[in-house]
Each structure stands twice: as structure tokens, then as C-alpha cells.
Amino acid sequence: MSSINKAEIEMLKQRLLPPIKIFAGRASIKIATKIAKSFGTELGKVEVLNFADGEFQPSFEETVRGAHVFIIQSTVPPTDNLFELLLMIDAAKRASAYKIAAVIPYFGFARQDRKDKARCSIGSKLVSNLLVAAGVSRIITLDLHADQIQGYFEVPVDHLYGSSIFVPYIKKLNLDNLVIAAPDMGGAKRSNVYAKFLKTPLVFTHKSREENHVIGEMTVVGNVKNKNVIIIDDMIDTARTICKASEIMVKKGAKSIRVIASHAVLSGKAYENILDSSITEVIVTDSIPLKKKSPKIKVISIADLFATVINNVIDHKSISDIFIGAEKVKPE
């Protein structure tokens, strides 16, 4: 039997491995382009046919037969973005893709993770059912509003943590008298992870809501006098909570207020609320594209993080090693 050299072995490996193709939905073209570039490739070609009545039909303009397909789309409002992702998954499945991974930097409907009153829906569970029914093989997402959403899926979920990019940024600030704050009791666990790793005190705010998006009373539990405060949250929607919390903390003697949040939903008058507040800086990721620029909002890209995870998925490598190697920071 003739010997096979290394070049021939590598060629055989390449022929056996499924091709890797990365595509993007229309809501996430910018971040998807960055992820693809960091991964070392270009986005695949997708066209969307729009009908006069508002319906639309996405199609892949290149073969995906036998390919490991990654579809990047944040499911931000409107719900057309979620449905576009579902249609793209369905199209890839019907085009004989080998595997289909939905890369969802921002997972919409995540706040509907339980029944918090009678006769209401559990939106995140419904979305998980829809994605699996469409034919997805894997979910890759960032900072879910509630960790238990991972259990709604019958396919693997790679849940990434923004702490791996936010903690190095906090360290570079080199702030003295640093305090980590939770915007409410629900975010205490997330904030505690930062506080333990950075070896700082933890404070939190307690709020009561008169109705949705209307905050009643708010109090700060813990000492913030002469402290540089960083409020940690998974998303910023109207920004009323963080702005009111910062106002109270400044009145209690805080030196500066910064806010870190993975997802810049920023609806309603959020930009105006932040600009008019006592907040020094708001640090977010590009999981959701900003509607407009703001002098108080800084964006840190998650492109390299997602590209590394995609590469590890393909090579069957550990995902947790990324966080351990980066900063040893992740929720317990």
C-alpha cells in the first residue's frame, strides 16, 4: 500500500468535513458581518422577496447542501425579525443543510419566562418551540434574561456571558472605591458575580411598580457614599429604572454612576432619559444596533466572542474554556 503524505491526509479531512456557511437576517447584518470577518469568511448570499401585502420570503442564493449553517439574527421587535429567522431556518432545512445553528445575540421575548399572572402566555417557551419546530440544531445566544430559558429547548444551547468582555473594560477604568449595584432584586445574582470576582461591595435597589413601565418607590440598600458605582443589567429598555436609581445614588453621595448592559433595547425616550440623567456612561454590546449615537453610550463588540464560539462548536471544543480563560467570570 502506498504511503499517504500529510498534504493528502489534510485534503481528505477537508473533503470529509462539512463546509461552514454563515448567513444573516436583515436585523443583524452589521454584527453578522463583523462575526464573519472575525471568523475568517464572508457572509453568504441571502435575498428576501417582499410581497405587496407585507409578507416576505427569504432564500439562500448559494448552495447549503451538506453545510453546517449558522444564521445570525437578533429577534428584536418587530416580530418580523423572529419570523424571518424561522423562515431562514426552514429554508436551510429544506435545502438539505447538514446542521443549522441559530445565532441569536439578543433573544427576544425572554422577559416572558414564566406566568407572573393568571391567563398570560410564556413567550420565551413558545419561541423555543417555534425554533425547534423550524429545524434548528443549536442555539447560540448572549445573556438571557433568565437562565432557565435554556431548559425550554430540546437542542443544545450555548449561553454566552457578557462579563467576559465587560470585566476587562471595568479593569481598564481603574476606578477607586468601586461598588457593583443591581438595578433590582431580580438582577442581584448577575451583579453578585461581578462583585465577587472584582472583590467589591454589592448594593442593590428595591423598586415597586405601580404598573408596567411606571416605577413607584425606589430605595438603595447599601453604602454608595464617595463610591464609583457600576450598575449591572442584562438589558436597557426605557432606561427609567437605571436613571431613577442613578438619581437616588447621587443624592446619597455617589461619585459617579456607570451602567453595563448587554442589550441596548432603548425604546421610547430611553436616549433622552440617559442623556438627561446623572449617569456618566452606559456600556452596551452590539447585539442590537443602536438607533442613533449618544455621547453617553459606548458600544463594545461581541463579534470576536461569537466567532470564537462558532469555531469551537465546529471543532467540538469546550465553550466554557472561553470564559475561564478570559476572566473566570460566569454566573454560578
Protein backbone atom coordinates (compact mmCIF):
# COMPACT_ATOMS: atom_id res chain seq x y z
CA MET A 1 0.00 0.00 0.00
CA SER A 2 1.45 3.36 -0.99
CA SER A 3 2.08 5.84 1.78
CA ILE A 4 -0.16 8.92 2.10
CA ASN A 5 1.61 12.19 2.81
CA LYS A 6 0.37 14.90 5.18
CA ALA A 7 -1.00 17.06 2.36
CA GLU A 8 -3.19 14.21 1.12
CA ILE A 9 -4.42 13.48 4.65
CA GLU A 10 -5.37 17.14 5.10
CA MET A 11 -7.15 17.09 1.74
CA LEU A 12 -9.14 14.02 2.80
CA LYS A 13 -10.09 15.71 6.07
CA GLN A 14 -11.33 18.77 4.21
CA ARG A 15 -13.45 16.60 1.91
CA LEU A 16 -15.00 14.78 4.87
CA LEU A 17 -15.77 17.90 6.91
CA PRO A 18 -19.00 19.76 6.07
CA PRO A 19 -18.50 23.28 4.66
CA ILE A 20 -19.17 26.16 7.05
CA LYS A 21 -21.55 28.91 5.92
CA ILE A 22 -22.62 32.00 7.85
CA PHE A 23 -25.72 33.96 6.91
CA ALA A 24 -27.50 36.97 8.41
CA GLY A 25 -31.04 38.15 8.83
CA ARG A 26 -31.78 41.75 7.97
CA ALA A 27 -31.91 42.88 11.61
CA SER A 28 -28.30 41.82 12.28
CA ILE A 29 -26.34 42.49 9.10
CA LYS A 30 -23.80 44.73 10.84
CA ILE A 31 -22.88 42.42 13.74
CA ALA A 32 -23.05 39.37 11.44
CA THR A 33 -20.55 40.96 9.05
CA LYS A 34 -18.17 41.53 11.98
CA ILE A 35 -18.60 37.95 13.23
CA ALA A 36 -17.95 36.52 9.77
CA LYS A 37 -14.85 38.68 9.33
CA SER A 38 -13.52 37.64 12.76
CA PHE A 39 -14.19 34.02 11.85
CA GLY A 40 -12.29 34.49 8.59
CA THR A 41 -15.03 34.31 5.99
CA GLU A 42 -17.74 36.38 4.32
CA LEU A 43 -21.47 36.29 4.79
CA GLY A 44 -23.40 34.00 2.50
CA LYS A 45 -25.83 35.45 -0.02
CA VAL A 46 -29.46 35.80 1.01
CA GLU A 47 -32.30 37.51 -0.81
CA VAL A 48 -35.65 38.46 0.66
CA LEU A 49 -38.67 38.75 -1.61
CA ASN A 50 -41.18 41.27 -0.26
CA PHE A 51 -44.83 40.97 -1.23
CA ALA A 52 -47.27 43.85 -1.55
CA ASP A 53 -49.33 42.69 1.44
CA GLY A 54 -46.33 42.74 3.81
CA GLU A 55 -45.38 39.07 3.58
CA PHE A 56 -41.78 38.19 2.76
CA GLN A 57 -39.80 35.13 1.70
CA PRO A 58 -36.06 34.75 2.34
CA SER A 59 -34.00 32.45 0.12
CA PHE A 60 -30.35 31.36 0.03
CA GLU A 61 -28.67 32.37 -3.19
CA GLU A 62 -25.98 29.69 -2.91
CA THR A 63 -26.00 26.00 -2.09
CA VAL A 64 -26.16 24.91 1.55
CA ARG A 65 -26.47 21.19 0.83
CA GLY A 66 -24.45 19.29 3.42
CA ALA A 67 -23.21 22.53 5.01
CA HIS A 68 -23.00 23.47 8.68
CA VAL A 69 -25.12 26.63 8.53
CA PHE A 70 -25.02 29.47 11.08
CA ILE A 71 -27.84 32.01 10.80
CA ILE A 72 -27.29 35.25 12.74
CA GLN A 73 -30.35 37.24 13.74
CA SER A 74 -31.31 39.11 16.90
CA THR A 75 -35.03 38.75 17.50
CA VAL A 76 -35.65 42.42 18.27
CA PRO A 77 -39.07 43.99 17.63
CA PRO A 78 -40.93 43.89 15.33
CA THR A 79 -41.77 40.19 15.38
CA ASP A 80 -41.00 40.10 11.65
CA ASN A 81 -37.36 39.61 12.70
CA LEU A 82 -38.22 36.46 14.64
CA PHE A 83 -40.34 35.14 11.78
CA GLU A 84 -37.60 35.91 9.27
CA LEU A 85 -35.21 33.78 11.35
CA LEU A 86 -37.76 30.94 11.40
CA LEU A 87 -38.21 31.14 7.63
CA MET A 88 -34.44 31.09 7.07
CA ILE A 89 -34.08 28.01 9.28
CA ASP A 90 -36.89 26.32 7.36
CA ALA A 91 -35.27 27.24 4.04
CA ALA A 92 -31.91 25.81 5.13
CA LYS A 93 -33.55 22.59 6.32
CA ARG A 94 -35.43 22.17 3.03
CA ALA A 95 -32.19 22.86 1.14
CA SER A 96 -30.56 19.85 2.87
CA ALA A 97 -28.23 21.68 5.25
CA TYR A 98 -26.22 19.31 7.46
CA LYS A 99 -26.82 21.27 10.68
CA ILE A 100 -28.46 24.62 11.39
CA ALA A 101 -27.37 26.82 14.28
CA ALA A 102 -29.38 29.91 15.17
CA VAL A 103 -27.01 32.59 16.44
CA ILE A 104 -29.25 34.98 18.38
CA PRO A 105 -27.18 37.76 20.02
CA TYR A 106 -30.36 39.18 21.58
CA PHE A 107 -33.10 36.67 22.39
CA GLY A 108 -36.41 38.50 22.27
CA PHE A 109 -39.45 37.59 24.41
CA ALA A 110 -37.04 36.44 27.15
CA ARG A 111 -38.84 38.53 29.76
CA GLN A 112 -41.85 36.24 29.28
CA ASP A 113 -40.15 33.32 31.03
CA ARG A 114 -42.96 32.39 33.45
CA LYS A 115 -46.60 33.02 34.27
CA ASP A 116 -46.46 36.06 36.53
CA LYS A 117 -50.23 36.48 36.47
CA ALA A 118 -53.25 34.41 35.54
CA ARG A 119 -54.07 33.59 31.91
CA CYS A 120 -50.88 35.00 30.36
CA SER A 121 -48.51 33.47 27.83
CA ILE A 122 -44.95 32.23 28.34
CA GLY A 123 -43.48 33.82 25.24
CA SER A 124 -39.92 32.52 25.56
CA LYS A 125 -41.14 28.92 25.74
CA LEU A 126 -43.28 29.43 22.64
CA VAL A 127 -40.31 30.94 20.77
CA SER A 128 -38.14 27.96 21.72
CA ASN A 129 -40.81 25.58 20.40
CA LEU A 130 -41.03 27.51 17.13
CA LEU A 131 -37.25 27.45 16.61
CA VAL A 132 -37.01 23.71 17.23
CA ALA A 133 -40.06 23.04 15.03
CA ALA A 134 -38.46 25.07 12.23
CA GLY A 135 -35.45 22.73 12.29
CA VAL A 136 -32.73 24.39 14.35
CA SER A 137 -29.94 22.11 15.65
CA ARG A 138 -28.33 24.51 18.13
CA ILE A 139 -28.86 27.91 19.74
CA ILE A 140 -26.04 30.36 20.47
CA THR A 141 -27.09 33.43 22.44
CA LEU A 142 -25.86 36.07 24.89
CA ASP A 143 -27.02 36.94 28.42
CA LEU A 144 -30.54 35.55 28.52
CA HIS A 145 -32.89 37.48 30.78
CA ALA A 146 -33.41 34.27 32.75
CA ASP A 147 -31.00 31.30 32.77
CA GLN A 148 -33.85 28.78 32.94
CA ILE A 149 -34.83 29.59 29.34
CA GLN A 150 -32.05 27.20 28.27
CA GLY A 151 -34.19 24.38 29.62
CA TYR A 152 -37.03 25.25 27.26
CA PHE A 153 -35.04 23.89 24.31
CA GLU A 154 -34.67 20.27 23.20
CA VAL A 155 -31.43 21.16 21.39
CA PRO A 156 -28.06 22.35 22.78
CA VAL A 157 -27.90 25.97 23.93
CA ASP A 158 -24.58 27.81 24.16
CA HIS A 159 -25.31 30.63 26.60
CA LEU A 160 -22.57 33.23 26.42
CA TYR A 161 -21.85 35.80 29.13
CA GLY A 162 -21.14 39.47 28.50
CA SER A 163 -18.97 39.50 31.61
CA SER A 164 -16.09 38.09 29.56
CA ILE A 165 -15.87 41.39 27.66
CA PHE A 166 -17.21 43.78 30.30
CA VAL A 167 -14.87 42.79 33.14
CA PRO A 168 -11.69 43.70 31.20
CA TYR A 169 -13.29 47.07 30.40
CA ILE A 170 -14.08 47.68 34.08
CA LYS A 171 -10.49 46.85 35.00
CA LYS A 172 -9.16 49.35 32.46
CA LEU A 173 -11.24 52.10 34.09
CA ASN A 174 -9.09 51.61 37.21
CA LEU A 175 -11.73 53.14 39.47
CA ASP A 176 -11.11 53.53 43.19
CA ASN A 177 -13.86 52.88 45.75
CA LEU A 178 -15.69 50.72 43.24
CA VAL A 179 -19.14 49.35 44.05
CA ILE A 180 -21.25 46.99 41.94
CA ALA A 181 -25.00 47.59 42.01
CA ALA A 182 -28.04 45.54 40.98
CA PRO A 183 -30.93 47.57 39.49
CA ASP A 184 -33.48 45.32 41.22
CA MET A 185 -33.71 42.11 43.22
CA GLY A 186 -34.03 40.05 40.03
CA GLY A 187 -30.61 41.19 38.86
CA ALA A 188 -28.87 40.59 42.19
CA LYS A 189 -27.42 37.22 41.14
CA ARG A 190 -25.89 38.63 37.95
CA SER A 191 -24.41 41.62 39.78
CA ASN A 192 -23.08 39.43 42.57
CA VAL A 193 -20.94 37.53 40.06
CA TYR A 194 -19.16 40.78 39.12
CA ALA A 195 -18.84 41.88 42.75
CA LYS A 196 -17.29 38.57 43.85
CA PHE A 197 -14.80 38.49 41.01
CA LEU A 198 -13.80 42.15 41.35
CA LYS A 199 -13.82 41.84 45.16
CA THR A 200 -16.06 44.86 45.61
CA PRO A 201 -19.12 45.54 47.79
CA LEU A 202 -22.58 44.86 46.32
CA VAL A 203 -25.53 47.18 46.69
CA PHE A 204 -28.97 46.90 45.14
CA THR A 205 -32.09 48.91 44.61
CA HIS A 206 -35.55 47.87 45.64
CA LYS A 207 -38.38 49.16 43.50
CA SER A 208 -42.14 48.82 43.34
CA ARG A 209 -44.07 49.23 40.13
CA GLU A 210 -47.43 50.96 40.00
CA GLU A 211 -47.94 49.45 36.52
CA ASN A 212 -45.80 48.34 33.55
CA HIS A 213 -43.00 50.86 32.85
CA VAL A 214 -44.18 53.04 35.75
CA ILE A 215 -41.89 52.89 38.79
CA GLY A 216 -43.33 53.62 42.22
CA GLU A 217 -41.00 53.91 45.19
CA MET A 218 -37.30 53.05 44.94
CA THR A 219 -34.69 52.71 47.68
CA VAL A 220 -30.98 51.86 47.68
CA VAL A 221 -29.77 49.14 50.03
CA GLY A 222 -26.06 49.57 50.79
CA ASN A 223 -23.46 52.34 51.04
CA VAL A 224 -22.68 54.35 47.91
CA LYS A 225 -21.26 57.50 49.52
CA ASN A 226 -17.99 58.55 47.81
CA LYS A 227 -18.19 55.41 45.66
CA ASN A 228 -17.85 54.87 41.92
CA VAL A 229 -20.93 52.80 41.16
CA ILE A 230 -21.41 50.38 38.26
CA ILE A 231 -24.96 49.12 37.75
CA ILE A 232 -25.14 45.71 36.03
CA ASP A 233 -28.14 44.59 33.99
CA ASP A 234 -28.91 42.32 31.03
CA MET A 235 -30.81 44.94 29.02
CA ILE A 236 -31.88 48.57 28.99
CA ASP A 237 -35.38 49.21 27.68
CA THR A 238 -36.86 52.62 28.54
CA ALA A 239 -33.93 53.37 30.92
CA ARG A 240 -36.31 54.73 33.57
CA THR A 241 -35.12 52.27 36.23
CA ILE A 242 -31.40 52.95 35.84
CA CYS A 243 -31.93 56.70 35.57
CA LYS A 244 -34.01 56.81 38.75
CA ALA A 245 -31.52 54.54 40.53
CA SER A 246 -28.63 56.79 39.50
CA GLU A 247 -30.51 59.86 40.71
CA ILE A 248 -31.05 58.29 44.15
CA MET A 249 -27.42 57.11 44.37
CA VAL A 250 -26.08 60.58 43.52
CA LYS A 251 -28.29 62.04 46.25
CA LYS A 252 -26.74 59.51 48.62
CA GLY A 253 -23.25 60.76 47.73
CA ALA A 254 -22.07 58.53 44.86
CA LYS A 255 -19.06 59.96 42.97
CA SER A 256 -20.02 58.52 39.58
CA ILE A 257 -22.58 56.17 38.05
CA ARG A 258 -21.93 53.84 35.15
CA VAL A 259 -24.26 51.25 33.68
CA ILE A 260 -23.31 47.99 31.96
CA ALA A 261 -25.95 46.12 29.98
CA SER A 262 -25.56 43.54 27.25
CA HIS A 263 -28.60 44.53 25.18
CA ALA A 264 -29.41 48.10 24.17
CA VAL A 265 -33.14 47.78 23.52
CA LEU A 266 -33.54 51.53 24.19
CA SER A 267 -37.20 52.05 23.38
CA GLY A 268 -39.42 55.07 23.94
CA LYS A 269 -37.49 58.03 25.35
CA ALA A 270 -34.54 55.94 26.52
CA TYR A 271 -31.90 58.05 24.73
CA GLU A 272 -33.32 61.26 26.17
CA ASN A 273 -33.64 59.71 29.64
CA ILE A 274 -29.98 58.65 29.62
CA LEU A 275 -28.73 61.96 28.24
CA ASP A 276 -30.62 63.96 30.87
CA SER A 277 -29.57 61.69 33.75
CA SER A 278 -26.63 61.83 36.13
CA ILE A 279 -25.17 58.67 34.55
CA THR A 280 -21.56 59.12 33.43
CA GLU A 281 -21.51 56.32 30.86
CA VAL A 282 -23.61 53.43 29.58
CA ILE A 283 -21.67 50.47 28.18
CA VAL A 284 -23.51 48.02 25.91
CA THR A 285 -22.74 45.43 23.23
CA ASP A 286 -23.67 45.49 19.56
CA SER A 287 -26.16 42.61 19.95
CA ILE A 288 -28.75 45.20 18.91
CA PRO A 289 -27.76 48.04 16.56
CA LEU A 290 -28.15 51.49 18.12
CA LYS A 291 -30.92 53.59 16.62
CA LYS A 292 -28.72 56.66 16.97
CA LYS A 293 -25.45 57.73 18.56
CA SER A 294 -25.26 59.16 22.06
CA PRO A 295 -22.29 60.81 23.81
CA LYS A 296 -23.08 58.75 26.92
CA ILE A 297 -23.34 55.34 25.24
CA LYS A 298 -20.27 53.22 24.47
CA VAL A 299 -20.54 50.03 22.41
CA ILE A 300 -18.21 47.06 22.87
CA SER A 301 -18.38 44.48 20.09
CA ILE A 302 -19.18 40.82 20.74
CA ALA A 303 -18.05 39.76 17.26
CA ASP A 304 -14.80 38.09 18.36
CA LEU A 305 -16.58 36.27 21.19
CA PHE A 306 -19.22 34.81 18.87
CA ALA A 307 -16.66 33.96 16.16
CA THR A 308 -14.59 32.04 18.74
CA VAL A 309 -17.66 30.14 19.94
CA ILE A 310 -18.67 29.24 16.39
CA ASN A 311 -15.14 27.96 15.76
CA ASN A 312 -15.24 25.88 18.97
CA VAL A 313 -18.61 24.41 18.04
CA ILE A 314 -17.25 23.32 14.68
CA ASP A 315 -14.09 21.85 16.23
CA HIS A 316 -16.04 20.19 19.09
CA LYS A 317 -14.12 22.19 21.67
CA SER A 318 -15.31 23.36 25.08
CA ILE A 319 -17.23 26.64 25.24
CA SER A 320 -16.72 27.14 28.97
CA ASP A 321 -12.95 27.34 28.44
CA ILE A 322 -13.51 30.67 26.69
CA PHE A 323 -14.88 32.24 29.86
CA ILE A 324 -12.43 30.51 32.19
CA GLY A 325 -9.53 31.56 30.00
CA ALA A 326 -10.81 35.10 29.60
CA GLU A 327 -11.70 36.21 33.09
CA LYS A 328 -13.06 33.26 35.07
CA VAL A 329 -16.33 35.13 35.22
CA LYS A 330 -19.70 33.49 34.65
CA PRO A 331 -22.89 33.07 36.65
CA GLU A 332 -22.74 30.31 39.24
